[in-house]
């Protein structure tokens, strides 16, 4: 069993006093902070004009995320939380976008509301939208696809095309299937 820490404790926020027993261990009473205090405690704010970096948990893409206060209440992206705490509720169907393109930035002056179409247009304008040959899922150059289609139109079997080009049979089948001709690969 742990010994109880001695004496009262105060932090910079002036709220944390004393100790409490939480989950079988002694912890400071700082857990009683409001959600807003807890959120801004995870944000590094060097000056009003720079990016305010999120110091807490992030997802795979680098966007900050914070729990909404208990099991089953879910998580929220830090940029959405920053917007909500400074500007009020986010209208349905709207996203919180970054002027600075820094996924961990929580500076409200760097955020703006927009639709998914606005976000896609912003990404395209800033050359961050993956498309065509630069898309992360593209496995073959478009010239290989066109070569396979040309060989197919000349009467070669899919098996022969796959062997000659050194690509999987299923890829050749997808490129030459007339029901899937609307797809473009790497173009």
N, C-alpha and C. Protein backbone atom coordinates (compact mmCIF):
# COMPACT_ATOMS: atom_id res chain seq x y z
N UNK A 1 0.84 -1.19 0.00
CA UNK A 1 0.00 0.00 0.00
C UNK A 1 0.88 1.25 0.00
N UNK A 2 0.47 2.22 -0.79
CA UNK A 2 1.24 3.45 -0.89
C UNK A 2 0.99 4.33 0.33
N UNK A 3 2.01 5.06 0.74
CA UNK A 3 1.82 6.04 1.81
C UNK A 3 1.23 7.30 1.22
N UNK A 4 0.37 7.92 1.99
CA UNK A 4 -0.24 9.17 1.52
C UNK A 4 0.82 10.26 1.49
N UNK A 5 0.91 11.03 0.39
CA UNK A 5 1.86 12.14 0.33
C UNK A 5 1.57 13.15 1.44
N UNK A 6 2.61 13.76 1.94
CA UNK A 6 2.45 14.69 3.06
C UNK A 6 2.24 16.13 2.57
N UNK A 7 1.35 16.81 3.22
CA UNK A 7 1.14 18.22 3.00
C UNK A 7 0.29 18.57 1.81
N UNK A 8 -0.31 19.78 1.83
CA UNK A 8 -1.12 20.23 0.69
C UNK A 8 -0.22 20.56 -0.49
N UNK A 9 -0.80 20.53 -1.64
CA UNK A 9 -0.05 20.81 -2.87
C UNK A 9 -0.82 21.80 -3.70
N UNK A 10 -0.16 22.79 -4.21
CA UNK A 10 -0.81 23.75 -5.09
C UNK A 10 0.00 23.88 -6.37
N UNK A 11 -0.67 23.99 -7.48
CA UNK A 11 0.03 24.17 -8.76
C UNK A 11 -0.22 25.60 -9.23
N UNK A 12 0.25 25.90 -10.44
CA UNK A 12 0.12 27.25 -10.99
C UNK A 12 -1.33 27.68 -11.18
N UNK A 13 -2.22 26.71 -11.42
CA UNK A 13 -3.61 27.09 -11.72
C UNK A 13 -4.36 27.55 -10.47
N UNK A 14 -3.84 27.22 -9.27
CA UNK A 14 -4.49 27.64 -8.04
C UNK A 14 -5.70 26.84 -7.67
N UNK A 15 -6.04 25.84 -8.46
CA UNK A 15 -7.22 25.02 -8.20
C UNK A 15 -6.86 23.75 -7.45
N UNK A 16 -5.70 23.19 -7.76
CA UNK A 16 -5.29 21.89 -7.23
C UNK A 16 -4.86 22.03 -5.77
N UNK A 17 -5.63 21.50 -4.86
CA UNK A 17 -5.30 21.51 -3.44
C UNK A 17 -5.50 20.12 -2.87
N UNK A 18 -4.60 19.68 -2.01
CA UNK A 18 -4.77 18.42 -1.33
C UNK A 18 -4.59 17.22 -2.24
N UNK A 19 -4.98 16.06 -1.72
CA UNK A 19 -4.84 14.81 -2.44
C UNK A 19 -6.12 14.02 -2.37
N UNK A 20 -6.32 13.13 -3.31
CA UNK A 20 -7.52 12.29 -3.33
C UNK A 20 -7.13 10.88 -3.71
N UNK A 21 -7.92 9.91 -3.30
CA UNK A 21 -7.67 8.52 -3.62
C UNK A 21 -8.44 8.20 -4.89
N UNK A 22 -7.71 7.89 -6.01
CA UNK A 22 -8.35 7.61 -7.30
C UNK A 22 -7.80 6.30 -7.83
N UNK A 23 -8.68 5.36 -8.10
CA UNK A 23 -8.26 4.11 -8.72
C UNK A 23 -7.17 3.38 -7.95
N UNK A 24 -7.21 3.39 -6.63
CA UNK A 24 -6.25 2.63 -5.84
C UNK A 24 -4.92 3.32 -5.65
N UNK A 25 -4.79 4.59 -6.05
CA UNK A 25 -3.53 5.30 -5.83
C UNK A 25 -3.84 6.74 -5.45
N UNK A 26 -2.88 7.36 -4.83
CA UNK A 26 -3.06 8.75 -4.43
C UNK A 26 -2.77 9.67 -5.60
N UNK A 27 -3.63 10.61 -5.80
CA UNK A 27 -3.44 11.57 -6.89
C UNK A 27 -3.81 12.95 -6.40
N UNK A 28 -3.33 13.95 -7.07
CA UNK A 28 -3.67 15.31 -6.69
C UNK A 28 -5.11 15.58 -7.04
N UNK A 29 -5.67 16.56 -6.40
CA UNK A 29 -7.06 16.92 -6.66
C UNK A 29 -7.21 17.68 -7.97
N UNK A 30 -6.14 17.78 -8.78
CA UNK A 30 -6.19 18.47 -10.06
C UNK A 30 -7.17 17.84 -11.03
N UNK A 31 -7.58 16.63 -10.76
CA UNK A 31 -8.54 15.98 -11.64
C UNK A 31 -9.89 16.67 -11.60
N UNK A 32 -10.05 17.62 -10.68
CA UNK A 32 -11.31 18.35 -10.58
C UNK A 32 -11.36 19.58 -11.48
N UNK A 33 -10.33 19.78 -12.28
CA UNK A 33 -10.33 20.91 -13.19
C UNK A 33 -11.48 20.78 -14.17
N UNK A 34 -11.91 21.91 -14.72
CA UNK A 34 -12.96 21.88 -15.74
C UNK A 34 -12.38 21.30 -17.02
N UNK A 35 -13.26 20.93 -17.93
CA UNK A 35 -12.81 20.40 -19.22
C UNK A 35 -11.96 21.43 -19.94
N UNK A 36 -12.37 22.68 -19.90
CA UNK A 36 -11.64 23.75 -20.59
C UNK A 36 -10.23 23.91 -20.01
N UNK A 37 -10.10 23.85 -18.69
CA UNK A 37 -8.77 23.95 -18.07
C UNK A 37 -7.91 22.75 -18.45
N UNK A 38 -8.53 21.58 -18.46
CA UNK A 38 -7.79 20.37 -18.82
C UNK A 38 -7.31 20.48 -20.27
N UNK A 39 -8.20 20.92 -21.18
CA UNK A 39 -7.84 21.05 -22.59
C UNK A 39 -6.67 22.00 -22.80
N UNK A 40 -6.79 23.25 -22.29
CA UNK A 40 -5.75 24.25 -22.52
C UNK A 40 -4.44 23.89 -21.82
N UNK A 41 -4.50 22.98 -20.84
CA UNK A 41 -3.30 22.49 -20.20
C UNK A 41 -2.43 21.64 -21.13
N UNK A 42 -3.03 21.12 -22.19
CA UNK A 42 -2.31 20.30 -23.18
C UNK A 42 -1.80 21.13 -24.37
N UNK A 43 -2.00 22.44 -24.34
CA UNK A 43 -1.65 23.29 -25.48
C UNK A 43 -0.47 24.20 -25.12
N UNK A 44 0.57 24.15 -25.95
CA UNK A 44 1.73 25.04 -25.78
C UNK A 44 1.45 26.32 -26.56
N UNK A 45 1.37 27.45 -25.84
CA UNK A 45 0.99 28.73 -26.44
C UNK A 45 2.12 29.74 -26.29
N UNK A 46 3.14 29.70 -27.18
CA UNK A 46 4.28 30.61 -27.04
C UNK A 46 3.92 32.08 -27.28
N UNK A 47 3.14 32.37 -28.30
CA UNK A 47 2.70 33.74 -28.57
C UNK A 47 1.43 33.68 -29.41
N UNK A 48 0.68 34.79 -29.46
CA UNK A 48 -0.64 34.76 -30.13
C UNK A 48 -0.62 34.45 -31.63
N UNK A 49 0.50 34.73 -32.31
CA UNK A 49 0.53 34.56 -33.76
C UNK A 49 1.06 33.21 -34.23
N UNK A 50 1.80 32.52 -33.39
CA UNK A 50 2.40 31.25 -33.82
C UNK A 50 1.40 30.10 -33.63
N UNK A 51 1.76 28.94 -34.16
CA UNK A 51 0.95 27.75 -33.96
C UNK A 51 1.00 27.34 -32.50
N UNK A 52 -0.16 27.00 -31.95
CA UNK A 52 -0.23 26.50 -30.58
C UNK A 52 -0.26 24.99 -30.67
N UNK A 53 0.84 24.35 -30.36
CA UNK A 53 0.98 22.91 -30.53
C UNK A 53 0.23 22.12 -29.46
N UNK A 54 -0.46 21.08 -29.89
CA UNK A 54 -1.14 20.15 -28.99
C UNK A 54 -0.09 19.19 -28.44
N UNK A 55 -0.02 19.06 -27.11
CA UNK A 55 0.99 18.24 -26.46
C UNK A 55 0.43 16.90 -25.98
N UNK A 56 -0.86 16.70 -26.12
CA UNK A 56 -1.49 15.47 -25.65
C UNK A 56 -1.48 14.38 -26.71
N UNK A 57 -2.44 13.49 -26.62
CA UNK A 57 -2.57 12.35 -27.52
C UNK A 57 -2.86 12.81 -28.95
N UNK A 58 -2.28 12.10 -29.92
CA UNK A 58 -2.55 12.39 -31.33
C UNK A 58 -2.96 11.13 -32.07
N UNK A 59 -3.62 11.30 -33.20
CA UNK A 59 -3.97 10.15 -34.03
C UNK A 59 -2.83 9.89 -35.02
N UNK A 60 -3.04 8.94 -35.94
CA UNK A 60 -1.99 8.55 -36.88
C UNK A 60 -1.58 9.69 -37.81
N UNK A 61 -2.47 10.63 -38.05
CA UNK A 61 -2.18 11.74 -38.96
C UNK A 61 -1.63 12.97 -38.25
N UNK A 62 -1.45 12.87 -36.93
CA UNK A 62 -0.87 13.98 -36.18
C UNK A 62 -1.87 14.95 -35.59
N UNK A 63 -3.18 14.69 -35.76
CA UNK A 63 -4.20 15.57 -35.20
C UNK A 63 -4.36 15.26 -33.71
N UNK A 64 -4.39 16.31 -32.88
CA UNK A 64 -4.59 16.12 -31.46
C UNK A 64 -5.97 15.59 -31.18
N UNK A 65 -6.09 14.86 -30.06
CA UNK A 65 -7.40 14.35 -29.67
C UNK A 65 -7.48 14.34 -28.15
N UNK A 66 -8.69 14.58 -27.64
CA UNK A 66 -8.90 14.62 -26.20
C UNK A 66 -10.18 13.88 -25.87
N UNK A 67 -10.15 13.16 -24.74
CA UNK A 67 -11.34 12.46 -24.27
C UNK A 67 -12.36 13.47 -23.76
N UNK A 68 -13.63 13.15 -23.98
CA UNK A 68 -14.69 14.08 -23.62
C UNK A 68 -15.18 13.90 -22.18
N UNK A 69 -14.41 13.21 -21.36
CA UNK A 69 -14.76 13.18 -19.94
C UNK A 69 -15.33 11.88 -19.43
N UNK A 70 -14.73 10.77 -19.69
CA UNK A 70 -15.19 9.52 -19.11
C UNK A 70 -15.33 8.42 -20.14
N UNK A 71 -15.44 7.22 -19.62
CA UNK A 71 -15.59 6.05 -20.50
C UNK A 71 -16.86 6.16 -21.33
N UNK A 72 -16.74 5.85 -22.61
CA UNK A 72 -17.90 5.84 -23.48
C UNK A 72 -18.33 7.20 -23.99
N UNK A 73 -17.69 8.27 -23.56
CA UNK A 73 -18.07 9.61 -24.03
C UNK A 73 -17.37 9.98 -25.32
N UNK A 74 -16.34 9.23 -25.69
CA UNK A 74 -15.67 9.45 -26.96
C UNK A 74 -14.52 10.43 -26.91
N UNK A 75 -13.96 10.65 -28.09
CA UNK A 75 -12.82 11.55 -28.27
C UNK A 75 -13.24 12.65 -29.24
N UNK A 76 -12.54 13.77 -29.16
CA UNK A 76 -12.78 14.87 -30.09
C UNK A 76 -11.42 15.40 -30.55
N UNK A 77 -11.33 15.79 -31.81
CA UNK A 77 -10.10 16.38 -32.33
C UNK A 77 -9.84 17.70 -31.61
N UNK A 78 -8.56 17.97 -31.34
CA UNK A 78 -8.20 19.16 -30.57
C UNK A 78 -8.55 20.46 -31.31
N UNK A 79 -8.47 20.45 -32.65
CA UNK A 79 -8.81 21.68 -33.37
C UNK A 79 -10.31 21.98 -33.25
N UNK A 80 -11.14 20.94 -33.24
CA UNK A 80 -12.59 21.14 -33.06
C UNK A 80 -12.88 21.65 -31.65
N UNK A 81 -12.18 21.08 -30.67
CA UNK A 81 -12.38 21.51 -29.28
C UNK A 81 -11.95 22.96 -29.10
N UNK A 82 -10.81 23.35 -29.67
CA UNK A 82 -10.34 24.73 -29.57
C UNK A 82 -11.36 25.68 -30.18
N UNK A 83 -11.90 25.31 -31.34
CA UNK A 83 -12.91 26.16 -31.99
C UNK A 83 -14.14 26.28 -31.10
N UNK A 84 -14.61 25.13 -30.61
CA UNK A 84 -15.84 25.10 -29.81
C UNK A 84 -15.68 25.92 -28.53
N UNK A 85 -14.52 25.82 -27.87
CA UNK A 85 -14.31 26.55 -26.62
C UNK A 85 -14.17 28.06 -26.83
N UNK A 86 -13.68 28.48 -27.98
CA UNK A 86 -13.48 29.91 -28.22
C UNK A 86 -14.60 30.56 -29.03
N UNK A 87 -15.26 29.81 -29.92
CA UNK A 87 -16.25 30.41 -30.82
C UNK A 87 -17.66 29.86 -30.66
N UNK A 88 -17.84 28.85 -29.85
CA UNK A 88 -19.17 28.26 -29.67
C UNK A 88 -19.34 27.00 -30.51
N UNK A 89 -20.57 26.50 -30.58
CA UNK A 89 -20.82 25.21 -31.25
C UNK A 89 -20.48 25.23 -32.75
N UNK A 90 -20.12 24.07 -33.25
CA UNK A 90 -19.81 23.90 -34.66
C UNK A 90 -21.10 23.44 -35.35
N UNK A 91 -21.56 24.17 -36.37
CA UNK A 91 -22.80 23.78 -37.05
C UNK A 91 -22.68 22.39 -37.68
N UNK A 92 -23.78 21.65 -37.74
CA UNK A 92 -23.75 20.32 -38.36
C UNK A 92 -23.27 20.40 -39.81
N UNK A 93 -22.45 19.44 -40.20
CA UNK A 93 -21.93 19.38 -41.56
C UNK A 93 -20.72 20.24 -41.81
N UNK A 94 -20.25 20.94 -40.78
CA UNK A 94 -19.10 21.81 -40.94
C UNK A 94 -17.87 21.16 -40.31
N UNK A 95 -16.71 21.42 -40.90
CA UNK A 95 -15.43 20.95 -40.39
C UNK A 95 -14.62 22.15 -39.92
N UNK A 96 -13.67 21.89 -39.03
CA UNK A 96 -12.75 22.94 -38.59
C UNK A 96 -11.46 22.74 -39.36
N UNK A 97 -11.09 23.72 -40.18
CA UNK A 97 -9.94 23.63 -41.07
C UNK A 97 -8.81 24.53 -40.56
N UNK A 98 -7.59 24.26 -41.02
CA UNK A 98 -6.41 25.01 -40.61
C UNK A 98 -5.92 25.93 -41.73
N UNK A 99 -5.69 27.20 -41.42
CA UNK A 99 -4.99 28.07 -42.36
C UNK A 99 -3.52 27.67 -42.46
N UNK A 100 -2.97 27.18 -41.33
CA UNK A 100 -1.54 26.91 -41.23
C UNK A 100 -1.15 25.50 -41.68
N UNK A 101 -2.09 24.63 -41.92
CA UNK A 101 -1.84 23.25 -42.35
C UNK A 101 -1.00 22.46 -41.35
N UNK A 102 -1.04 22.83 -40.09
CA UNK A 102 -0.36 22.09 -39.03
C UNK A 102 -1.42 21.32 -38.26
N UNK A 103 -1.46 19.98 -38.41
CA UNK A 103 -2.55 19.21 -37.79
C UNK A 103 -2.61 19.32 -36.26
N UNK A 104 -1.50 19.63 -35.61
CA UNK A 104 -1.53 19.71 -34.15
C UNK A 104 -1.75 21.14 -33.63
N UNK A 105 -2.01 22.08 -34.53
CA UNK A 105 -2.22 23.47 -34.13
C UNK A 105 -3.63 23.65 -33.55
N UNK A 106 -3.70 24.36 -32.41
CA UNK A 106 -4.97 24.65 -31.75
C UNK A 106 -5.22 26.15 -31.61
N UNK A 107 -4.44 26.97 -32.30
CA UNK A 107 -4.61 28.41 -32.21
C UNK A 107 -5.91 28.79 -32.93
N UNK A 108 -6.89 29.33 -32.20
CA UNK A 108 -8.18 29.67 -32.83
C UNK A 108 -8.06 30.63 -33.99
N UNK A 109 -7.02 31.49 -34.02
CA UNK A 109 -6.86 32.43 -35.13
C UNK A 109 -6.35 31.71 -36.39
N UNK A 110 -5.88 30.48 -36.26
CA UNK A 110 -5.42 29.69 -37.41
C UNK A 110 -6.52 28.76 -37.93
N UNK A 111 -7.68 28.75 -37.28
CA UNK A 111 -8.76 27.83 -37.63
C UNK A 111 -9.91 28.56 -38.30
N UNK A 112 -10.62 27.85 -39.17
CA UNK A 112 -11.82 28.41 -39.80
C UNK A 112 -12.78 27.27 -40.12
N UNK A 113 -14.05 27.58 -40.25
CA UNK A 113 -15.07 26.58 -40.55
C UNK A 113 -15.21 26.42 -42.05
N UNK A 114 -15.48 25.20 -42.48
CA UNK A 114 -15.71 24.93 -43.89
C UNK A 114 -16.34 23.56 -44.08
N UNK A 115 -16.87 23.35 -45.25
CA UNK A 115 -17.47 22.06 -45.58
C UNK A 115 -16.37 21.10 -46.05
N UNK A 116 -16.75 19.86 -46.29
CA UNK A 116 -15.79 18.88 -46.81
C UNK A 116 -15.29 19.33 -48.19
N UNK A 117 -16.19 19.92 -48.99
CA UNK A 117 -15.77 20.44 -50.31
C UNK A 117 -14.76 21.57 -50.16
N UNK A 118 -14.98 22.43 -49.15
CA UNK A 118 -14.01 23.51 -48.88
C UNK A 118 -12.65 22.93 -48.49
N UNK A 119 -12.67 21.89 -47.67
CA UNK A 119 -11.43 21.25 -47.23
C UNK A 119 -10.69 20.64 -48.42
N UNK A 120 -11.42 19.95 -49.29
CA UNK A 120 -10.80 19.35 -50.47
C UNK A 120 -10.24 20.42 -51.41
N UNK A 121 -10.98 21.51 -51.60
CA UNK A 121 -10.50 22.60 -52.45
C UNK A 121 -9.25 23.24 -51.84
N UNK A 122 -9.23 23.40 -50.51
CA UNK A 122 -8.08 23.96 -49.82
C UNK A 122 -6.86 23.05 -49.99
N UNK A 123 -7.07 21.74 -49.84
CA UNK A 123 -5.96 20.79 -50.01
C UNK A 123 -5.44 20.81 -51.44
N UNK A 124 -6.36 20.90 -52.41
CA UNK A 124 -5.94 20.92 -53.81
C UNK A 124 -5.17 22.19 -54.13
N UNK A 125 -5.65 23.32 -53.62
CA UNK A 125 -4.97 24.60 -53.86
C UNK A 125 -3.57 24.62 -53.26
N UNK A 126 -3.39 23.92 -52.15
CA UNK A 126 -2.08 23.88 -51.48
C UNK A 126 -1.26 22.66 -51.89
N UNK A 127 -1.73 21.98 -52.93
CA UNK A 127 -1.05 20.80 -53.49
C UNK A 127 -0.82 19.69 -52.46
N UNK A 128 -1.82 19.49 -51.57
CA UNK A 128 -1.71 18.42 -50.58
C UNK A 128 -2.68 17.28 -50.87
N UNK A 129 -3.50 17.40 -51.91
CA UNK A 129 -4.49 16.38 -52.23
C UNK A 129 -3.86 15.31 -53.10
N UNK A 130 -3.87 14.08 -52.60
CA UNK A 130 -3.32 12.96 -53.39
C UNK A 130 -4.29 12.63 -54.51
N UNK A 131 -3.78 12.54 -55.71
CA UNK A 131 -4.63 12.14 -56.83
C UNK A 131 -3.74 11.59 -57.93
N UNK A 132 -4.32 10.74 -58.75
CA UNK A 132 -3.59 10.18 -59.88
C UNK A 132 -2.37 9.40 -59.46
N UNK A 133 -1.28 9.60 -60.16
CA UNK A 133 -0.06 8.83 -59.93
C UNK A 133 0.57 9.13 -58.58
N UNK A 134 0.21 10.24 -57.93
CA UNK A 134 0.78 10.56 -56.63
C UNK A 134 -0.02 9.98 -55.47
N UNK A 135 -1.17 9.36 -55.74
CA UNK A 135 -2.00 8.79 -54.68
C UNK A 135 -1.26 7.65 -54.00
N UNK A 136 -1.39 7.55 -52.68
CA UNK A 136 -0.63 6.56 -51.91
C UNK A 136 -0.99 5.12 -52.27
N UNK A 137 -2.16 4.88 -52.84
CA UNK A 137 -2.58 3.51 -53.14
C UNK A 137 -2.19 3.05 -54.55
N UNK A 138 -1.65 3.94 -55.38
CA UNK A 138 -1.27 3.57 -56.75
C UNK A 138 -0.07 2.64 -56.71
N UNK A 139 -0.21 1.47 -57.36
CA UNK A 139 0.87 0.49 -57.37
C UNK A 139 1.58 0.41 -58.71
N UNK A 140 0.90 0.84 -59.78
CA UNK A 140 1.48 0.71 -61.12
C UNK A 140 1.40 2.03 -61.86
N UNK A 141 2.38 2.27 -62.68
CA UNK A 141 2.40 3.45 -63.52
C UNK A 141 1.30 3.33 -64.57
N UNK A 142 0.74 4.46 -64.97
CA UNK A 142 -0.36 4.44 -65.93
C UNK A 142 0.07 3.83 -67.27
N UNK A 143 1.33 3.98 -67.63
CA UNK A 143 1.80 3.41 -68.89
C UNK A 143 1.68 1.88 -68.89
N UNK A 144 1.88 1.24 -67.72
CA UNK A 144 1.72 -0.21 -67.61
C UNK A 144 0.27 -0.60 -67.82
N UNK A 145 -0.63 0.18 -67.25
CA UNK A 145 -2.07 -0.08 -67.41
C UNK A 145 -2.46 0.04 -68.88
N UNK A 146 -2.03 1.12 -69.52
CA UNK A 146 -2.35 1.32 -70.94
C UNK A 146 -1.74 0.22 -71.81
N UNK A 147 -0.54 -0.20 -71.49
CA UNK A 147 0.11 -1.27 -72.24
C UNK A 147 -0.70 -2.57 -72.10
N UNK A 148 -1.15 -2.86 -70.90
CA UNK A 148 -1.96 -4.07 -70.67
C UNK A 148 -3.27 -3.98 -71.45
N UNK A 149 -3.91 -2.83 -71.46
CA UNK A 149 -5.17 -2.66 -72.19
C UNK A 149 -4.96 -2.81 -73.70
N UNK A 150 -3.84 -2.28 -74.17
CA UNK A 150 -3.54 -2.40 -75.61
C UNK A 150 -3.30 -3.86 -75.97
N UNK A 151 -2.55 -4.59 -75.15
CA UNK A 151 -2.29 -6.02 -75.40
C UNK A 151 -3.59 -6.81 -75.37
N UNK A 152 -4.49 -6.46 -74.47
CA UNK A 152 -5.79 -7.14 -74.35
C UNK A 152 -6.63 -6.90 -75.61
N UNK A 153 -6.62 -5.64 -76.10
CA UNK A 153 -7.39 -5.33 -77.31
C UNK A 153 -6.83 -6.04 -78.54
N UNK A 154 -5.53 -6.41 -78.50
CA UNK A 154 -4.92 -7.13 -79.63
C UNK A 154 -5.16 -8.64 -79.52
N UNK A 155 -5.89 -9.09 -78.45
CA UNK A 155 -6.26 -10.49 -78.36
C UNK A 155 -5.41 -11.35 -77.45
N UNK A 156 -4.46 -10.77 -76.73
CA UNK A 156 -3.64 -11.56 -75.80
C UNK A 156 -4.48 -11.93 -74.58
N UNK A 157 -4.16 -13.08 -74.00
CA UNK A 157 -4.88 -13.51 -72.79
C UNK A 157 -4.38 -12.72 -71.58
N UNK A 158 -5.25 -12.63 -70.60
CA UNK A 158 -4.87 -11.92 -69.38
C UNK A 158 -3.67 -12.58 -68.69
N UNK A 159 -3.65 -13.90 -68.73
CA UNK A 159 -2.55 -14.66 -68.12
C UNK A 159 -1.22 -14.29 -68.79
N UNK A 160 -1.23 -14.22 -70.12
CA UNK A 160 -0.02 -13.89 -70.88
C UNK A 160 0.41 -12.45 -70.60
N UNK A 161 -0.56 -11.54 -70.51
CA UNK A 161 -0.26 -10.13 -70.23
C UNK A 161 0.39 -10.01 -68.85
N UNK A 162 -0.20 -10.68 -67.86
CA UNK A 162 0.32 -10.63 -66.50
C UNK A 162 1.76 -11.16 -66.45
N UNK A 163 2.00 -12.27 -67.14
CA UNK A 163 3.35 -12.84 -67.16
C UNK A 163 4.35 -11.95 -67.85
N UNK A 164 3.95 -11.37 -68.97
CA UNK A 164 4.86 -10.52 -69.75
C UNK A 164 5.20 -9.21 -69.03
N UNK A 165 4.20 -8.61 -68.36
CA UNK A 165 4.43 -7.33 -67.68
C UNK A 165 4.90 -7.52 -66.23
N UNK A 166 4.81 -8.74 -65.73
CA UNK A 166 5.24 -9.01 -64.35
C UNK A 166 4.32 -8.39 -63.31
N UNK A 167 3.03 -8.41 -63.58
CA UNK A 167 2.04 -7.87 -62.65
C UNK A 167 1.04 -8.98 -62.29
N UNK A 168 0.31 -8.85 -61.19
CA UNK A 168 -0.66 -9.88 -60.83
C UNK A 168 -1.79 -10.00 -61.85
N UNK A 169 -2.26 -11.22 -62.02
CA UNK A 169 -3.36 -11.51 -62.94
C UNK A 169 -4.59 -10.69 -62.56
N UNK A 170 -4.87 -10.58 -61.24
CA UNK A 170 -6.07 -9.86 -60.80
C UNK A 170 -6.02 -8.38 -61.19
N UNK A 171 -4.82 -7.80 -61.22
CA UNK A 171 -4.69 -6.40 -61.66
C UNK A 171 -5.04 -6.28 -63.14
N UNK A 172 -4.51 -7.20 -63.95
CA UNK A 172 -4.80 -7.18 -65.39
C UNK A 172 -6.29 -7.36 -65.62
N UNK A 173 -6.90 -8.27 -64.85
CA UNK A 173 -8.35 -8.50 -64.99
C UNK A 173 -9.11 -7.22 -64.69
N UNK A 174 -8.72 -6.48 -63.62
CA UNK A 174 -9.38 -5.23 -63.28
C UNK A 174 -9.21 -4.17 -64.35
N UNK A 175 -8.02 -4.10 -64.95
CA UNK A 175 -7.76 -3.09 -65.97
C UNK A 175 -8.48 -3.37 -67.27
N UNK A 176 -8.74 -4.64 -67.56
CA UNK A 176 -9.31 -5.02 -68.86
C UNK A 176 -10.79 -5.37 -68.78
N UNK A 177 -11.37 -5.40 -67.59
CA UNK A 177 -12.79 -5.74 -67.43
C UNK A 177 -13.63 -4.56 -67.92
N UNK A 178 -14.51 -4.81 -68.87
CA UNK A 178 -15.29 -3.72 -69.48
C UNK A 178 -16.25 -3.08 -68.49
N UNK A 179 -16.64 -3.80 -67.42
CA UNK A 179 -17.55 -3.21 -66.44
C UNK A 179 -16.82 -2.24 -65.51
N UNK A 180 -15.49 -2.31 -65.48
CA UNK A 180 -14.71 -1.44 -64.60
C UNK A 180 -13.90 -0.42 -65.40
N UNK A 181 -14.27 -0.15 -66.64
CA UNK A 181 -13.48 0.76 -67.48
C UNK A 181 -13.55 2.20 -67.01
N UNK A 182 -14.51 2.52 -66.14
CA UNK A 182 -14.60 3.91 -65.69
C UNK A 182 -13.47 4.23 -64.72
N UNK A 183 -12.84 3.20 -64.13
CA UNK A 183 -11.72 3.42 -63.22
C UNK A 183 -10.49 3.90 -63.99
N UNK A 184 -9.75 4.77 -63.37
CA UNK A 184 -8.47 5.15 -63.95
C UNK A 184 -7.39 4.80 -62.93
N UNK A 185 -6.34 4.23 -63.37
CA UNK A 185 -5.25 3.82 -62.49
C UNK A 185 -4.04 4.69 -62.75
N UNK A 186 -3.70 5.49 -61.77
CA UNK A 186 -2.50 6.31 -61.87
C UNK A 186 -2.57 7.42 -62.88
N UNK A 187 -3.79 7.82 -63.27
CA UNK A 187 -3.90 8.90 -64.25
C UNK A 187 -4.56 10.10 -63.63
